[in-house]
PDB file of N, CA and C in Angstrom:
ATOM      1  N   MET A   1      49.956 -70.823  21.359  1.00  0.00           N
ATOM      2  CA  MET A   1      50.957 -71.808  21.730  1.00  0.00           C
ATOM      3  C   MET A   1      52.000 -71.124  22.620  1.00  0.00           C
ATOM      4  N   ALA A   2      52.225 -71.665  23.805  1.00  0.00           N
ATOM      5  CA  ALA A   2      53.181 -71.083  24.741  1.00  0.00           C
ATOM      6  C   ALA A   2      54.598 -71.438  24.306  1.00  0.00           C
ATOM      7  N   SER A   3      55.503 -70.482  24.461  1.00  0.00           N
ATOM      8  CA  SER A   3      56.896 -70.750  24.091  1.00  0.00           C
ATOM      9  C   SER A   3      57.583 -71.539  25.199  1.00  0.00           C
ATOM     10  N   ALA A   4      58.604 -72.256  24.815  1.00  0.00           N
ATOM     11  CA  ALA A   4      59.357 -73.067  25.773  1.00  0.00           C
ATOM     12  C   ALA A   4      60.074 -72.154  26.755  1.00  0.00           C
ATOM     13  N   PRO A   5      60.209 -72.593  27.994  1.00  0.00           N
ATOM     14  CA  PRO A   5      60.923 -71.758  28.963  1.00  0.00           C
ATOM     15  C   PRO A   5      62.379 -71.578  28.547  1.00  0.00           C
ATOM     16  N   GLN A   6      62.894 -70.399  28.777  1.00  0.00           N
ATOM     17  CA  GLN A   6      64.280 -70.096  28.421  1.00  0.00           C
ATOM     18  C   GLN A   6      65.212 -70.626  29.505  1.00  0.00           C
ATOM     19  N   PRO A   7      66.295 -71.286  29.099  1.00  0.00           N
ATOM     20  CA  PRO A   7      67.232 -71.818  30.087  1.00  0.00           C
ATOM     21  C   PRO A   7      67.961 -70.688  30.817  1.00  0.00           C
ATOM     22  N   ASP A   8      68.367 -70.987  32.014  1.00  0.00           N
ATOM     23  CA  ASP A   8      69.117 -70.035  32.841  1.00  0.00           C
ATOM     24  C   ASP A   8      70.458 -69.764  32.153  1.00  0.00           C
ATOM     25  N   PRO A   9      70.780 -68.489  31.869  1.00  0.00           N
ATOM     26  CA  PRO A   9      72.046 -68.163  31.184  1.00  0.00           C
ATOM     27  C   PRO A   9      73.279 -68.677  31.932  1.00  0.00           C
ATOM     28  N   GLN A  10      73.222 -68.657  33.246  1.00  0.00           N
ATOM     29  CA  GLN A  10      74.368 -69.115  34.041  1.00  0.00           C
ATOM     30  C   GLN A  10      74.566 -70.626  33.864  1.00  0.00           C
ATOM     31  N   VAL A  11      73.468 -71.370  33.840  1.00  0.00           N
ATOM     32  CA  VAL A  11      73.549 -72.819  33.630  1.00  0.00           C
ATOM     33  C   VAL A  11      74.070 -73.101  32.224  1.00  0.00           C
ATOM     34  N   MET A  12      73.558 -72.369  31.242  1.00  0.00           N
ATOM     35  CA  MET A  12      74.019 -72.558  29.865  1.00  0.00           C
ATOM     36  C   MET A  12      75.511 -72.276  29.736  1.00  0.00           C
ATOM     37  N   ASP A  13      75.986 -71.268  30.440  1.00  0.00           N
ATOM     38  CA  ASP A  13      77.415 -70.948  30.416  1.00  0.00           C
ATOM     39  C   ASP A  13      78.235 -72.092  31.020  1.00  0.00           C
ATOM     40  N   GLN A  14      77.740 -72.677  32.090  1.00  0.00           N
ATOM     41  CA  GLN A  14      78.434 -73.802  32.715  1.00  0.00           C
ATOM     42  C   GLN A  14      78.457 -75.015  31.779  1.00  0.00           C
ATOM     43  N   VAL A  15      77.342 -75.266  31.109  1.00  0.00           N
ATOM     44  CA  VAL A  15      77.273 -76.387  30.173  1.00  0.00           C
ATOM     45  C   VAL A  15      78.265 -76.166  29.031  1.00  0.00           C
ATOM     46  N   ARG A  16      78.251 -74.950  28.467  1.00  0.00           N
ATOM     47  CA  ARG A  16      79.171 -74.621  27.371  1.00  0.00           C
ATOM     48  C   ARG A  16      80.625 -74.813  27.810  1.00  0.00           C
ATOM     49  N   ARG A  17      80.937 -74.322  28.992  1.00  0.00           N
ATOM     50  CA  ARG A  17      82.308 -74.429  29.510  1.00  0.00           C
ATOM     51  C   ARG A  17      82.712 -75.896  29.651  1.00  0.00           C
ATOM     52  N   ARG A  18      81.798 -76.715  30.172  1.00  0.00           N
ATOM     53  CA  ARG A  18      82.108 -78.131  30.369  1.00  0.00           C
ATOM     54  C   ARG A  18      82.280 -78.845  29.027  1.00  0.00           C
ATOM     55  N   LEU A  19      81.430 -78.503  28.061  1.00  0.00           N
ATOM     56  CA  LEU A  19      81.568 -79.096  26.731  1.00  0.00           C
ATOM     57  C   LEU A  19      82.913 -78.729  26.108  1.00  0.00           C
ATOM     58  N   LEU A  20      83.357 -77.506  26.319  1.00  0.00           N
ATOM     59  CA  LEU A  20      84.662 -77.077  25.801  1.00  0.00           C
ATOM     60  C   LEU A  20      85.795 -77.833  26.496  1.00  0.00           C
ATOM     61  N   GLU A  21      85.688 -77.970  27.821  1.00  0.00           N
ATOM     62  CA  GLU A  21      86.735 -78.638  28.600  1.00  0.00           C
ATOM     63  C   GLU A  21      86.902 -80.098  28.185  1.00  0.00           C
ATOM     64  N   THR A  22      85.800 -80.772  27.883  1.00  0.00           N
ATOM     65  CA  THR A  22      85.860 -82.196  27.561  1.00  0.00           C
ATOM     66  C   THR A  22      86.156 -82.466  26.087  1.00  0.00           C
ATOM     67  N   GLY A  23      86.118 -81.404  25.272  1.00  0.00           N
ATOM     68  CA  GLY A  23      86.334 -81.573  23.838  1.00  0.00           C
ATOM     69  C   GLY A  23      85.062 -81.946  23.088  1.00  0.00           C
ATOM     70  N   ASP A  24      83.973 -82.108  23.840  1.00  0.00           N
ATOM     71  CA  ASP A  24      82.711 -82.477  23.205  1.00  0.00           C
ATOM     72  C   ASP A  24      82.135 -81.337  22.365  1.00  0.00           C
ATOM     73  N   TRP A  25      82.444 -80.102  22.708  1.00  0.00           N
ATOM     74  CA  TRP A  25      81.951 -78.957  21.922  1.00  0.00           C
ATOM     75  C   TRP A  25      82.432 -79.083  20.471  1.00  0.00           C
ATOM     76  N   ASP A  26      83.726 -79.345  20.298  1.00  0.00           N
ATOM     77  CA  ASP A  26      84.282 -79.484  18.948  1.00  0.00           C
ATOM     78  C   ASP A  26      83.695 -80.700  18.230  1.00  0.00           C
ATOM     79  N   ARG A  27      83.560 -81.813  18.948  1.00  0.00           N
ATOM     80  CA  ARG A  27      83.017 -83.027  18.343  1.00  0.00           C
ATOM     81  C   ARG A  27      81.579 -82.810  17.887  1.00  0.00           C
ATOM     82  N   ILE A  28      80.764 -82.186  18.724  1.00  0.00           N
ATOM     83  CA  ILE A  28      79.363 -81.935  18.374  1.00  0.00           C
ATOM     84  C   ILE A  28      79.277 -80.891  17.261  1.00  0.00           C
ATOM     85  N   SER A  29      80.155 -79.891  17.287  1.00  0.00           N
ATOM     86  CA  SER A  29      80.169 -78.882  16.217  1.00  0.00           C
ATOM     87  C   SER A  29      80.500 -79.526  14.875  1.00  0.00           C
ATOM     88  N   GLN A  30      81.462 -80.441  14.880  1.00  0.00           N
ATOM     89  CA  GLN A  30      81.830 -81.143  13.644  1.00  0.00           C
ATOM     90  C   GLN A  30      80.681 -82.020  13.154  1.00  0.00           C
ATOM     91  N   LEU A  31      79.988 -82.672  14.080  1.00  0.00           N
ATOM     92  CA  LEU A  31      78.827 -83.483  13.727  1.00  0.00           C
ATOM     93  C   LEU A  31      77.757 -82.608  13.069  1.00  0.00           C
ATOM     94  N   LEU A  32      77.492 -81.458  13.669  1.00  0.00           N
ATOM     95  CA  LEU A  32      76.493 -80.538  13.132  1.00  0.00           C
ATOM     96  C   LEU A  32      76.881 -80.075  11.732  1.00  0.00           C
ATOM     97  N   ARG A  33      78.127 -79.656  11.567  1.00  0.00           N
ATOM     98  CA  ARG A  33      78.591 -79.200  10.251  1.00  0.00           C
ATOM     99  C   ARG A  33      78.448 -80.299   9.198  1.00  0.00           C
ATOM    100  N   ALA A  34      78.835 -81.513   9.554  1.00  0.00           N
ATOM    101  CA  ALA A  34      78.768 -82.630   8.601  1.00  0.00           C
ATOM    102  C   ALA A  34      77.327 -82.926   8.201  1.00  0.00           C
ATOM    103  N   LYS A  35      76.427 -82.944   9.168  1.00  0.00           N
ATOM    104  CA  LYS A  35      75.025 -83.229   8.874  1.00  0.00           C
ATOM    105  C   LYS A  35      74.405 -82.123   8.024  1.00  0.00           C
ATOM    106  N   LEU A  36      74.755 -80.873   8.309  1.00  0.00           N
ATOM    107  CA  LEU A  36      74.220 -79.759   7.521  1.00  0.00           C
ATOM    108  C   LEU A  36      74.738 -79.812   6.084  1.00  0.00           C
ATOM    109  N   GLU A  37      76.003 -80.180   5.923  1.00  0.00           N
ATOM    110  CA  GLU A  37      76.566 -80.310   4.569  1.00  0.00           C
ATOM    111  C   GLU A  37      75.893 -81.444   3.809  1.00  0.00           C
ATOM    112  N   GLU A  38      75.591 -82.538   4.502  1.00  0.00           N
ATOM    113  CA  GLU A  38      74.935 -83.694   3.860  1.00  0.00           C
ATOM    114  C   GLU A  38      73.612 -83.307   3.212  1.00  0.00           C
ATOM    115  N   VAL A  39      72.865 -82.417   3.868  1.00  0.00           N
ATOM    116  CA  VAL A  39      71.546 -82.052   3.348  1.00  0.00           C
ATOM    117  C   VAL A  39      71.590 -80.797   2.479  1.00  0.00           C
ATOM    118  N   GLY A  40      72.790 -80.243   2.267  1.00  0.00           N
ATOM    119  CA  GLY A  40      72.925 -79.075   1.396  1.00  0.00           C
ATOM    120  C   GLY A  40      72.539 -77.766   2.044  1.00  0.00           C
ATOM    121  N   TRP A  41      72.452 -77.751   3.371  1.00  0.00           N
ATOM    122  CA  TRP A  41      72.052 -76.549   4.095  1.00  0.00           C
ATOM    123  C   TRP A  41      73.015 -75.391   3.824  1.00  0.00           C
ATOM    124  N   ASP A  42      74.299 -75.678   3.816  1.00  0.00           N
ATOM    125  CA  ASP A  42      75.282 -74.612   3.617  1.00  0.00           C
ATOM    126  C   ASP A  42      75.142 -73.972   2.238  1.00  0.00           C
ATOM    127  N   ASP A  43      74.889 -74.786   1.221  1.00  0.00           N
ATOM    128  CA  ASP A  43      74.683 -74.233  -0.121  1.00  0.00           C
ATOM    129  C   ASP A  43      73.396 -73.415  -0.190  1.00  0.00           C
ATOM    130  N   ASP A  44      72.343 -73.926   0.447  1.00  0.00           N
ATOM    131  CA  ASP A  44      71.077 -73.185   0.482  1.00  0.00           C
ATOM    132  C   ASP A  44      71.252 -71.849   1.203  1.00  0.00           C
ATOM    133  N   LEU A  45      72.042 -71.865   2.275  1.00  0.00           N
ATOM    134  CA  LEU A  45      72.283 -70.633   3.023  1.00  0.00           C
ATOM    135  C   LEU A  45      73.073 -69.632   2.187  1.00  0.00           C
ATOM    136  N   LYS A  46      74.069 -70.109   1.476  1.00  0.00           N
ATOM    137  CA  LYS A  46      74.845 -69.218   0.601  1.00  0.00           C
ATOM    138  C   LYS A  46      73.948 -68.590  -0.455  1.00  0.00           C
ATOM    139  N   ASP A  47      73.067 -69.397  -1.043  1.00  0.00           N
ATOM    140  CA  ASP A  47      72.146 -68.884  -2.056  1.00  0.00           C
ATOM    141  C   ASP A  47      71.220 -67.824  -1.466  1.00  0.00           C
ATOM    142  N   LEU A  48      70.705 -68.098  -0.284  1.00  0.00           N
ATOM    143  CA  LEU A  48      69.828 -67.135   0.385  1.00  0.00           C
ATOM    144  C   LEU A  48      70.568 -65.834   0.670  1.00  0.00           C
ATOM    145  N   ALA A  49      71.786 -65.951   1.194  1.00  0.00           N
ATOM    146  CA  ALA A  49      72.565 -64.762   1.526  1.00  0.00           C
ATOM    147  C   ALA A  49      72.880 -63.938   0.279  1.00  0.00           C
ATOM    148  N   LYS A  50      73.220 -64.610  -0.817  1.00  0.00           N
ATOM    149  CA  LYS A  50      73.489 -63.888  -2.065  1.00  0.00           C
ATOM    150  C   LYS A  50      72.250 -63.140  -2.530  1.00  0.00           C
ATOM    151  N   GLU A  51      71.110 -63.824  -2.471  1.00  0.00           N
ATOM    152  CA  GLU A  51      69.844 -63.208  -2.903  1.00  0.00           C
ATOM    153  C   GLU A  51      69.527 -61.975  -2.055  1.00  0.00           C
ATOM    154  N   LYS A  52      69.669 -62.098  -0.752  1.00  0.00           N
ATOM    155  CA  LYS A  52      69.372 -60.978   0.150  1.00  0.00           C
ATOM    156  C   LYS A  52      70.382 -59.849  -0.036  1.00  0.00           C
ATOM    157  N   ALA A  53      71.650 -60.191  -0.249  1.00  0.00           N
ATOM    158  CA  ALA A  53      72.680 -59.164  -0.437  1.00  0.00           C
ATOM    159  C   ALA A  53      72.426 -58.379  -1.717  1.00  0.00           C
ATOM    160  N   ARG A  54      72.040 -59.075  -2.763  1.00  0.00           N
ATOM    161  CA  ARG A  54      71.759 -58.397  -4.036  1.00  0.00           C
ATOM    162  C   ARG A  54      70.555 -57.461  -3.918  1.00  0.00           C
ATOM    163  N   ALA A  55      69.629 -57.800  -3.024  1.00  0.00           N
ATOM    164  CA  ALA A  55      68.420 -56.990  -2.858  1.00  0.00           C
ATOM    165  C   ALA A  55      68.676 -55.744  -2.005  1.00  0.00           C
ATOM    166  N   GLN A  56      69.802 -55.720  -1.293  1.00  0.00           N
ATOM    167  CA  GLN A  56      70.117 -54.549  -0.468  1.00  0.00           C
ATOM    168  C   GLN A  56      70.501 -53.374  -1.356  1.00  0.00           C
ATOM    169  N   GLU A  57      69.967 -52.216  -1.005  1.00  0.00           N
ATOM    170  CA  GLU A  57      70.314 -51.014  -1.767  1.00  0.00           C
ATOM    171  C   GLU A  57      71.797 -50.698  -1.592  1.00  0.00           C
ATOM    172  N   THR A  58      72.222 -50.697  -0.345  1.00  0.00           N
ATOM    173  CA  THR A  58      73.629 -50.513  -0.018  1.00  0.00           C
ATOM    174  C   THR A  58      74.072 -51.746   0.759  1.00  0.00           C
ATOM    175  N   PRO A  59      74.936 -52.585   0.189  1.00  0.00           N
ATOM    176  CA  PRO A  59      75.345 -53.809   0.888  1.00  0.00           C
ATOM    177  C   PRO A  59      75.907 -53.516   2.277  1.00  0.00           C
ATOM    178  N   ASN A  60      75.394 -54.254   3.248  1.00  0.00           N
ATOM    179  CA  ASN A  60      75.798 -54.067   4.634  1.00  0.00           C
ATOM    180  C   ASN A  60      75.773 -55.434   5.314  1.00  0.00           C
ATOM    181  N   LEU A  61      76.937 -55.896   5.755  1.00  0.00           N
ATOM    182  CA  LEU A  61      77.055 -57.227   6.340  1.00  0.00           C
ATOM    183  C   LEU A  61      76.202 -57.375   7.594  1.00  0.00           C
ATOM    184  N   ARG A  62      76.224 -56.402   8.458  1.00  0.00           N
ATOM    185  CA  ARG A  62      75.466 -56.493   9.716  1.00  0.00           C
ATOM    186  C   ARG A  62      73.966 -56.660   9.418  1.00  0.00           C
ATOM    187  N   ASP A  63      73.447 -55.834   8.509  1.00  0.00           N
ATOM    188  CA  ASP A  63      72.033 -55.932   8.144  1.00  0.00           C
ATOM    189  C   ASP A  63      71.732 -57.280   7.493  1.00  0.00           C
ATOM    190  N   LEU A  64      72.662 -57.762   6.682  1.00  0.00           N
ATOM    191  CA  LEU A  64      72.488 -59.051   6.031  1.00  0.00           C
ATOM    192  C   LEU A  64      72.399 -60.171   7.072  1.00  0.00           C
ATOM    193  N   LEU A  65      73.281 -60.139   8.055  1.00  0.00           N
ATOM    194  CA  LEU A  65      73.264 -61.162   9.104  1.00  0.00           C
ATOM    195  C   LEU A  65      71.965 -61.118   9.903  1.00  0.00           C
ATOM    196  N   VAL A  66      71.505 -59.922  10.222  1.00  0.00           N
ATOM    197  CA  VAL A  66      70.254 -59.776  10.969  1.00  0.00           C
ATOM    198  C   VAL A  66      69.087 -60.358  10.178  1.00  0.00           C
ATOM    199  N   GLU A  67      69.114 -60.155   8.884  1.00  0.00           N
ATOM    200  CA  GLU A  67      68.030 -60.642   8.032  1.00  0.00           C
ATOM    201  C   GLU A  67      68.105 -62.147   7.789  1.00  0.00           C
ATOM    202  N   VAL A  68      69.292 -62.663   7.586  1.00  0.00           N
ATOM    203  CA  VAL A  68      69.460 -64.062   7.193  1.00  0.00           C
ATOM    204  C   VAL A  68      69.453 -65.022   8.391  1.00  0.00           C
ATOM    205  N   ASN A  69      69.972 -64.609   9.526  1.00  0.00           N
ATOM    206  CA  ASN A  69      70.122 -65.509  10.669  1.00  0.00           C
ATOM    207  C   ASN A  69      68.826 -66.221  11.065  1.00  0.00           C
ATOM    208  N   PRO A  70      67.714 -65.520  11.254  1.00  0.00           N
ATOM    209  CA  PRO A  70      66.493 -66.243  11.640  1.00  0.00           C
ATOM    210  C   PRO A  70      66.058 -67.264  10.579  1.00  0.00           C
ATOM    211  N   GLN A  71      66.205 -66.919   9.324  1.00  0.00           N
ATOM    212  CA  GLN A  71      65.837 -67.844   8.257  1.00  0.00           C
ATOM    213  C   GLN A  71      66.776 -69.044   8.239  1.00  0.00           C
ATOM    214  N   ALA A  72      68.057 -68.801   8.486  1.00  0.00           N
ATOM    215  CA  ALA A  72      69.042 -69.883   8.498  1.00  0.00           C
ATOM    216  C   ALA A  72      68.707 -70.889   9.597  1.00  0.00           C
ATOM    217  N   GLN A  73      68.317 -70.396  10.751  1.00  0.00           N
ATOM    218  CA  GLN A  73      67.961 -71.290  11.848  1.00  0.00           C
ATOM    219  C   GLN A  73      66.724 -72.108  11.519  1.00  0.00           C
ATOM    220  N   LYS A  74      65.751 -71.488  10.855  1.00  0.00           N
ATOM    221  CA  LYS A  74      64.527 -72.208  10.473  1.00  0.00           C
ATOM    222  C   LYS A  74      64.804 -73.261   9.416  1.00  0.00           C
ATOM    223  N   MET A  75      65.858 -73.081   8.642  1.00  0.00           N
ATOM    224  CA  MET A  75      66.194 -74.017   7.569  1.00  0.00           C
ATOM    225  C   MET A  75      66.854 -75.299   8.078  1.00  0.00           C
ATOM    226  N   ILE A  76      67.248 -75.338   9.346  1.00  0.00           N
ATOM    227  CA  ILE A  76      67.895 -76.535   9.905  1.00  0.00           C
ATOM    228  C   ILE A  76      66.819 -77.606  10.104  1.00  0.00           C
ATOM    229  N   PRO A  77      66.972 -78.754   9.467  1.00  0.00           N
ATOM    230  CA  PRO A  77      65.966 -79.814   9.603  1.00  0.00           C
ATOM    231  C   PRO A  77      65.817 -80.283  11.053  1.00  0.00           C
ATOM    232  N   GLY A  78      64.586 -80.625  11.414  1.00  0.00           N
ATOM    233  CA  GLY A  78      64.302 -81.100  12.765  1.00  0.00           C
ATOM    234  C   GLY A  78      65.103 -82.337  13.132  1.00  0.00           C
ATOM    235  N   SER A  79      65.347 -83.203  12.162  1.00  0.00           N
ATOM    236  CA  SER A  79      66.109 -84.429  12.449  1.00  0.00           C
ATOM    237  C   SER A  79      67.540 -84.095  12.896  1.00  0.00           C
ATOM    238  N   ILE A  80      68.104 -83.054  12.305  1.00  0.00           N
ATOM    239  CA  ILE A  80      69.463 -82.652  12.695  1.00  0.00           C
ATOM    240  C   ILE A  80      69.438 -82.000  14.069  1.00  0.00           C
ATOM    241  N   ARG A  81      68.440 -81.176  14.319  1.00  0.00           N
ATOM    242  CA  ARG A  81      68.304 -80.564  15.652  1.00  0.00           C
ATOM    243  C   ARG A  81      68.211 -81.652  16.718  1.00  0.00           C
ATOM    244  N   ARG A  82      67.385 -82.674  16.449  1.00  0.00           N
ATOM    245  CA  ARG A  82      67.207 -83.754  17.424  1.00  0.00           C
ATOM    246  C   ARG A  82      68.500 -84.544  17.632  1.00  0.00           C
ATOM    247  N   ALA A  83      69.230 -84.814  16.542  1.00  0.00           N
ATOM    248  CA  ALA A  83      70.481 -85.576  16.649  1.00  0.00           C
ATOM    249  C   ALA A  83      71.506 -84.826  17.500  1.00  0.00           C
ATOM    250  N   VAL A  84      71.622 -83.539  17.277  1.00  0.00           N
ATOM    251  CA  VAL A  84      72.588 -82.745  18.048  1.00  0.00           C
ATOM    252  C   VAL A  84      72.146 -82.656  19.501  1.00  0.00           C
ATOM    253  N   LEU A  85      70.856 -82.455  19.718  1.00  0.00           N
ATOM    254  CA  LEU A  85      70.337 -82.393  21.082  1.00  0.00           C
ATOM    255  C   LEU A  85      70.594 -83.706  21.817  1.00  0.00           C
ATOM    256  N   GLN A  86      70.419 -84.837  21.127  1.00  0.00           N
ATOM    257  CA  GLN A  86      70.682 -86.135  21.744  1.00  0.00           C
ATOM    258  C   GLN A  86      72.150 -86.270  22.142  1.00  0.00           C
ATOM    259  N   GLU A  87      73.039 -85.775  21.296  1.00  0.00           N
ATOM    260  CA  GLU A  87      74.471 -85.816  21.619  1.00  0.00           C
ATOM    261  C   GLU A  87      74.764 -84.989  22.873  1.00  0.00           C
ATOM    262  N   ILE A  88      74.180 -83.802  22.941  1.00  0.00           N
ATOM    263  CA  ILE A  88      74.397 -82.931  24.109  1.00  0.00           C
ATOM    264  C   ILE A  88      73.831 -83.593  25.360  1.00  0.00           C
ATOM    265  N   GLU A  89      72.628 -84.159  25.252  1.00  0.00           N
ATOM    266  CA  GLU A  89      72.021 -84.838  26.400  1.00  0.00           C
ATOM    267  C   GLU A  89      72.869 -86.009  26.862  1.00  0.00           C
ATOM    268  N   ALA A  90      73.442 -86.767  25.919  1.00  0.00           N
ATOM    269  CA  ALA A  90      74.285 -87.909  26.278  1.00  0.00           C
ATOM    270  C   ALA A  90      75.518 -87.448  27.047  1.00  0.00           C
ATOM    271  N   VAL A  91      76.107 -86.340  26.601  1.00  0.00           N
ATOM    272  CA  VAL A  91      77.279 -85.798  27.299  1.00  0.00           C
ATOM    273  C   VAL A  91      76.885 -85.352  28.705  1.00  0.00           C
ATOM    274  N   LEU A  92      75.776 -84.644  28.806  1.00  0.00           N
ATOM    275  CA  LEU A  92      75.334 -84.158  30.120  1.00  0.00           C
ATOM    276  C   LEU A  92      75.012 -85.322  31.050  1.00  0.00           C
ATOM    277  N   ASP A  93      74.369 -86.370  30.529  1.00  0.00           N
ATOM    278  CA  ASP A  93      74.086 -87.546  31.351  1.00  0.00           C
ATOM    279  C   ASP A  93      75.371 -88.174  31.858  1.00  0.00           C
ATOM    280  N   ARG A  94      76.350 -88.282  30.959  1.00  0.00           N
ATOM    281  CA  ARG A  94      77.651 -88.858  31.328  1.00  0.00           C
ATOM    282  C   ARG A  94      78.333 -88.005  32.408  1.00  0.00           C
ATOM    283  N   GLU A  95      78.277 -86.697  32.251  1.00  0.00           N
ATOM    284  CA  GLU A  95      78.926 -85.796  33.198  1.00  0.00           C
ATOM    285  C   GLU A  95      78.236 -85.814  34.554  1.00  0.00           C
ATOM    286  N   VAL A  96      76.906 -85.945  34.554  1.00  0.00           N
ATOM    287  CA  VAL A  96      76.157 -85.989  35.808  1.00  0.00           C
ATOM    288  C   VAL A  96      76.483 -87.275  36.555  1.00  0.00           C
ATOM    289  N   GLU A  97      76.626 -88.391  35.820  1.00  0.00           N
ATOM    290  CA  GLU A  97      76.952 -89.664  36.438  1.00  0.00           C
ATOM    291  C   GLU A  97      78.327 -89.605  37.102  1.00  0.00           C
ATOM    292  N   LYS A  98      79.263 -88.849  36.519  1.00  0.00           N
ATOM    293  CA  LYS A  98      80.608 -88.716  37.087  1.00  0.00           C
ATOM    294  C   LYS A  98      80.585 -87.939  38.387  1.00  0.00           C
ATOM    295  N   ALA A  99      79.675 -86.988  38.505  1.00  0.00           N
ATOM    296  CA  ALA A  99      79.648 -86.098  39.670  1.00  0.00           C
ATOM    297  C   ALA A  99      79.149 -86.782  40.909  1.00  0.00           C
TER     298      ALA A  99
END
């Protein structure tokens, strides 16, 4: 299975900047947080992090983040990913129409 093409970092930076300027970054971030809390993702992540931290011989935050981050991303339900992506696409469509 071929991986999806990676977006141009410069374009992504411009998109991020525009989302910040319009206030949509905060709105979409709040939407994401609320949806993740609804499904208990944050509690599941805390449980995972505690389990991994306890398994470390010498607790180390950096190592914990490296270990937990990929799993945390996989734990995000597809429906939430799609909802957030739709919000971003709607903002980009609106911004393109203005230009």
